[in-house]
Amino acid sequence: MTPSKSSKDTTINSIEDLTYEQAFTELEAIVAALESEKKSLEESMTLFERSQMLVQYCARLLDQAELKVQQLSGESLTDLNLPA
């Protein structure tokens, strides 16, 4: 018999299937829910855990995009100093 996937594995896999925009939108919804709705401690902790996974996923996607831009441009990215 093959081992069944845990719910955490399924959650991680479903995050990996999201686009950056989808993950960020879900993260915004979680933040809004945590700020405005009364949740039980267990629900709040589950949402917080999901939000942390989404933050890590979004950061990883941004890092990958930056690396690709660097590879395509053939040089390091530089910060633009735009006037405020």
N, C-alpha and C. Protein backbone atom coordinates (compact mmCIF):
# COMPACT_ATOMS: atom_id res chain seq x y z
N MET A 1 0.83 -1.19 0.00
CA MET A 1 0.00 0.00 0.00
C MET A 1 0.87 1.25 0.00
N THR A 2 0.39 2.26 -0.70
CA THR A 2 1.12 3.51 -0.70
C THR A 2 0.58 4.40 0.39
N PRO A 3 1.46 5.15 1.02
CA PRO A 3 0.99 6.03 2.09
C PRO A 3 0.10 7.12 1.53
N SER A 4 -0.91 7.49 2.30
CA SER A 4 -1.79 8.57 1.85
C SER A 4 -1.14 9.90 2.18
N LYS A 5 -1.51 10.91 1.42
CA LYS A 5 -0.98 12.25 1.67
C LYS A 5 -1.68 12.85 2.86
N SER A 6 -0.92 13.56 3.65
CA SER A 6 -1.53 14.26 4.78
C SER A 6 -2.21 15.52 4.26
N SER A 7 -3.05 16.11 5.08
CA SER A 7 -3.73 17.33 4.65
C SER A 7 -2.72 18.46 4.44
N LYS A 8 -1.61 18.44 5.20
CA LYS A 8 -0.59 19.47 5.03
C LYS A 8 0.08 19.33 3.66
N ASP A 9 0.37 18.09 3.22
CA ASP A 9 0.95 17.87 1.90
C ASP A 9 0.01 18.38 0.82
N THR A 10 -1.28 18.11 0.96
CA THR A 10 -2.26 18.57 -0.01
C THR A 10 -2.32 20.09 -0.04
N THR A 11 -2.25 20.73 1.11
CA THR A 11 -2.26 22.18 1.18
C THR A 11 -1.04 22.75 0.49
N ILE A 12 0.12 22.19 0.75
CA ILE A 12 1.35 22.67 0.12
C ILE A 12 1.26 22.49 -1.40
N ASN A 13 0.79 21.33 -1.84
CA ASN A 13 0.66 21.11 -3.28
C ASN A 13 -0.31 22.10 -3.90
N SER A 14 -1.41 22.40 -3.23
CA SER A 14 -2.36 23.34 -3.81
C SER A 14 -1.76 24.74 -3.89
N ILE A 15 -0.92 25.11 -2.96
CA ILE A 15 -0.24 26.40 -3.05
C ILE A 15 0.70 26.42 -4.24
N GLU A 16 1.41 25.34 -4.47
CA GLU A 16 2.35 25.27 -5.58
C GLU A 16 1.66 25.40 -6.94
N ASP A 17 0.35 25.14 -6.97
CA ASP A 17 -0.40 25.25 -8.23
C ASP A 17 -0.90 26.67 -8.49
N LEU A 18 -0.76 27.56 -7.51
CA LEU A 18 -1.26 28.92 -7.65
C LEU A 18 -0.28 29.80 -8.42
N THR A 19 -0.83 30.77 -9.12
CA THR A 19 0.01 31.81 -9.70
C THR A 19 0.37 32.78 -8.58
N TYR A 20 1.31 33.66 -8.85
CA TYR A 20 1.68 34.66 -7.85
C TYR A 20 0.46 35.50 -7.48
N GLU A 21 -0.27 35.92 -8.49
CA GLU A 21 -1.43 36.78 -8.26
C GLU A 21 -2.49 36.07 -7.42
N GLN A 22 -2.73 34.80 -7.69
CA GLN A 22 -3.71 34.04 -6.92
C GLN A 22 -3.26 33.89 -5.46
N ALA A 23 -2.00 33.59 -5.26
CA ALA A 23 -1.47 33.42 -3.92
C ALA A 23 -1.54 34.73 -3.14
N PHE A 24 -1.19 35.83 -3.79
CA PHE A 24 -1.22 37.14 -3.13
C PHE A 24 -2.64 37.54 -2.79
N THR A 25 -3.59 37.27 -3.69
CA THR A 25 -4.99 37.58 -3.42
C THR A 25 -5.50 36.77 -2.23
N GLU A 26 -5.13 35.50 -2.18
CA GLU A 26 -5.54 34.67 -1.03
C GLU A 26 -4.93 35.19 0.25
N LEU A 27 -3.68 35.59 0.19
CA LEU A 27 -3.00 36.14 1.36
C LEU A 27 -3.71 37.40 1.85
N GLU A 28 -4.08 38.28 0.93
CA GLU A 28 -4.82 39.49 1.31
C GLU A 28 -6.15 39.15 1.98
N ALA A 29 -6.84 38.14 1.46
CA ALA A 29 -8.12 37.72 2.03
C ALA A 29 -7.94 37.17 3.45
N ILE A 30 -6.87 36.42 3.66
CA ILE A 30 -6.60 35.87 4.99
C ILE A 30 -6.30 36.99 5.98
N VAL A 31 -5.49 37.94 5.56
CA VAL A 31 -5.17 39.07 6.43
C VAL A 31 -6.44 39.84 6.80
N ALA A 32 -7.29 40.10 5.81
CA ALA A 32 -8.54 40.81 6.08
C ALA A 32 -9.41 40.01 7.04
N ALA A 33 -9.49 38.71 6.85
CA ALA A 33 -10.30 37.86 7.74
C ALA A 33 -9.76 37.87 9.16
N LEU A 34 -8.46 37.80 9.29
CA LEU A 34 -7.87 37.80 10.63
C LEU A 34 -8.04 39.14 11.33
N GLU A 35 -8.04 40.21 10.55
CA GLU A 35 -8.17 41.55 11.14
C GLU A 35 -9.62 41.89 11.49
N SER A 36 -10.58 41.38 10.73
CA SER A 36 -11.94 41.86 10.91
C SER A 36 -12.93 40.85 11.47
N GLU A 37 -12.63 39.59 11.36
CA GLU A 37 -13.58 38.58 11.80
C GLU A 37 -13.14 37.95 13.11
N LYS A 38 -14.14 37.56 13.89
CA LYS A 38 -13.83 36.85 15.12
C LYS A 38 -13.72 35.37 14.78
N LYS A 39 -12.54 34.85 14.96
CA LYS A 39 -12.25 33.45 14.68
C LYS A 39 -11.83 32.77 15.98
N SER A 40 -12.05 31.47 16.02
CA SER A 40 -11.54 30.72 17.16
C SER A 40 -10.02 30.69 17.07
N LEU A 41 -9.39 30.35 18.16
CA LEU A 41 -7.93 30.26 18.17
C LEU A 41 -7.46 29.24 17.13
N GLU A 42 -8.13 28.11 17.06
CA GLU A 42 -7.75 27.07 16.10
C GLU A 42 -7.88 27.56 14.66
N GLU A 43 -8.99 28.23 14.35
CA GLU A 43 -9.17 28.77 13.00
C GLU A 43 -8.12 29.83 12.68
N SER A 44 -7.85 30.68 13.65
CA SER A 44 -6.85 31.74 13.46
C SER A 44 -5.47 31.14 13.22
N MET A 45 -5.13 30.12 13.97
CA MET A 45 -3.82 29.48 13.80
C MET A 45 -3.72 28.80 12.43
N THR A 46 -4.80 28.17 11.98
CA THR A 46 -4.81 27.54 10.66
C THR A 46 -4.63 28.58 9.56
N LEU A 47 -5.34 29.71 9.69
CA LEU A 47 -5.20 30.78 8.71
C LEU A 47 -3.80 31.38 8.75
N PHE A 48 -3.26 31.56 9.96
CA PHE A 48 -1.91 32.10 10.09
C PHE A 48 -0.88 31.18 9.44
N GLU A 49 -1.02 29.88 9.66
CA GLU A 49 -0.10 28.91 9.05
C GLU A 49 -0.19 28.97 7.53
N ARG A 50 -1.40 29.02 7.02
CA ARG A 50 -1.59 29.11 5.56
C ARG A 50 -0.96 30.40 5.04
N SER A 51 -1.15 31.50 5.77
CA SER A 51 -0.58 32.77 5.32
C SER A 51 0.94 32.72 5.28
N GLN A 52 1.55 32.05 6.24
CA GLN A 52 3.01 31.94 6.24
C GLN A 52 3.51 31.14 5.04
N MET A 53 2.78 30.08 4.68
CA MET A 53 3.15 29.30 3.50
C MET A 53 2.99 30.13 2.23
N LEU A 54 1.93 30.93 2.18
CA LEU A 54 1.71 31.79 1.02
C LEU A 54 2.80 32.86 0.91
N VAL A 55 3.20 33.45 2.03
CA VAL A 55 4.27 34.46 2.03
C VAL A 55 5.56 33.84 1.49
N GLN A 56 5.91 32.67 1.98
CA GLN A 56 7.13 32.00 1.53
C GLN A 56 7.05 31.67 0.04
N TYR A 57 5.89 31.22 -0.41
CA TYR A 57 5.70 30.89 -1.82
C TYR A 57 5.83 32.14 -2.70
N CYS A 58 5.17 33.23 -2.31
CA CYS A 58 5.26 34.47 -3.08
C CYS A 58 6.70 34.99 -3.13
N ALA A 59 7.39 34.93 -2.01
CA ALA A 59 8.79 35.37 -1.97
C ALA A 59 9.65 34.53 -2.90
N ARG A 60 9.42 33.23 -2.91
CA ARG A 60 10.17 32.34 -3.80
C ARG A 60 9.90 32.67 -5.27
N LEU A 61 8.64 32.93 -5.61
CA LEU A 61 8.31 33.30 -6.99
C LEU A 61 8.97 34.62 -7.39
N LEU A 62 8.98 35.58 -6.48
CA LEU A 62 9.63 36.86 -6.76
C LEU A 62 11.14 36.68 -6.94
N ASP A 63 11.76 35.86 -6.11
CA ASP A 63 13.19 35.59 -6.24
C ASP A 63 13.49 34.93 -7.59
N GLN A 64 12.63 34.00 -8.00
CA GLN A 64 12.83 33.33 -9.29
C GLN A 64 12.67 34.32 -10.45
N ALA A 65 11.71 35.22 -10.33
CA ALA A 65 11.51 36.23 -11.38
C ALA A 65 12.71 37.16 -11.46
N GLU A 66 13.24 37.56 -10.31
CA GLU A 66 14.41 38.44 -10.29
C GLU A 66 15.60 37.75 -10.93
N LEU A 67 15.81 36.48 -10.61
CA LEU A 67 16.91 35.73 -11.19
C LEU A 67 16.76 35.63 -12.70
N LYS A 68 15.56 35.39 -13.17
CA LYS A 68 15.33 35.29 -14.61
C LYS A 68 15.62 36.61 -15.31
N VAL A 69 15.19 37.72 -14.70
CA VAL A 69 15.46 39.03 -15.27
C VAL A 69 16.96 39.27 -15.34
N GLN A 70 17.66 38.90 -14.26
CA GLN A 70 19.12 39.06 -14.25
C GLN A 70 19.77 38.23 -15.35
N GLN A 71 19.30 37.00 -15.53
CA GLN A 71 19.86 36.14 -16.56
C GLN A 71 19.58 36.70 -17.95
N LEU A 72 18.40 37.23 -18.15
CA LEU A 72 18.03 37.77 -19.46
C LEU A 72 18.77 39.07 -19.76
N SER A 73 19.01 39.87 -18.73
CA SER A 73 19.67 41.16 -18.95
C SER A 73 21.19 41.01 -18.95
N GLY A 74 21.68 39.90 -18.43
CA GLY A 74 23.11 39.66 -18.42
C GLY A 74 23.86 40.47 -17.40
N GLU A 75 23.20 41.06 -16.47
CA GLU A 75 23.85 41.85 -15.43
C GLU A 75 22.99 41.86 -14.19
N SER A 76 23.52 42.41 -13.11
CA SER A 76 22.75 42.51 -11.87
C SER A 76 21.74 43.61 -11.98
N LEU A 77 20.68 43.44 -11.23
CA LEU A 77 19.68 44.48 -11.16
C LEU A 77 20.19 45.59 -10.25
N THR A 78 19.84 46.80 -10.60
CA THR A 78 20.21 47.91 -9.75
C THR A 78 18.93 48.61 -9.29
N ASP A 79 18.98 49.17 -8.11
CA ASP A 79 17.84 49.89 -7.59
C ASP A 79 17.73 51.22 -8.32
N LEU A 80 16.50 51.58 -8.64
CA LEU A 80 16.25 52.90 -9.23
C LEU A 80 16.01 53.88 -8.10
N ASN A 81 16.70 54.95 -8.13
CA ASN A 81 16.50 55.99 -7.13
C ASN A 81 15.55 57.03 -7.70
N LEU A 82 14.26 56.77 -7.53
CA LEU A 82 13.25 57.68 -8.04
C LEU A 82 12.95 58.73 -6.99
N PRO A 83 12.72 59.97 -7.44
CA PRO A 83 12.38 61.01 -6.47
C PRO A 83 11.02 60.72 -5.84
N ALA A 84 10.89 61.06 -4.59
CA ALA A 84 9.65 60.80 -3.85
C ALA A 84 8.59 61.80 -4.20
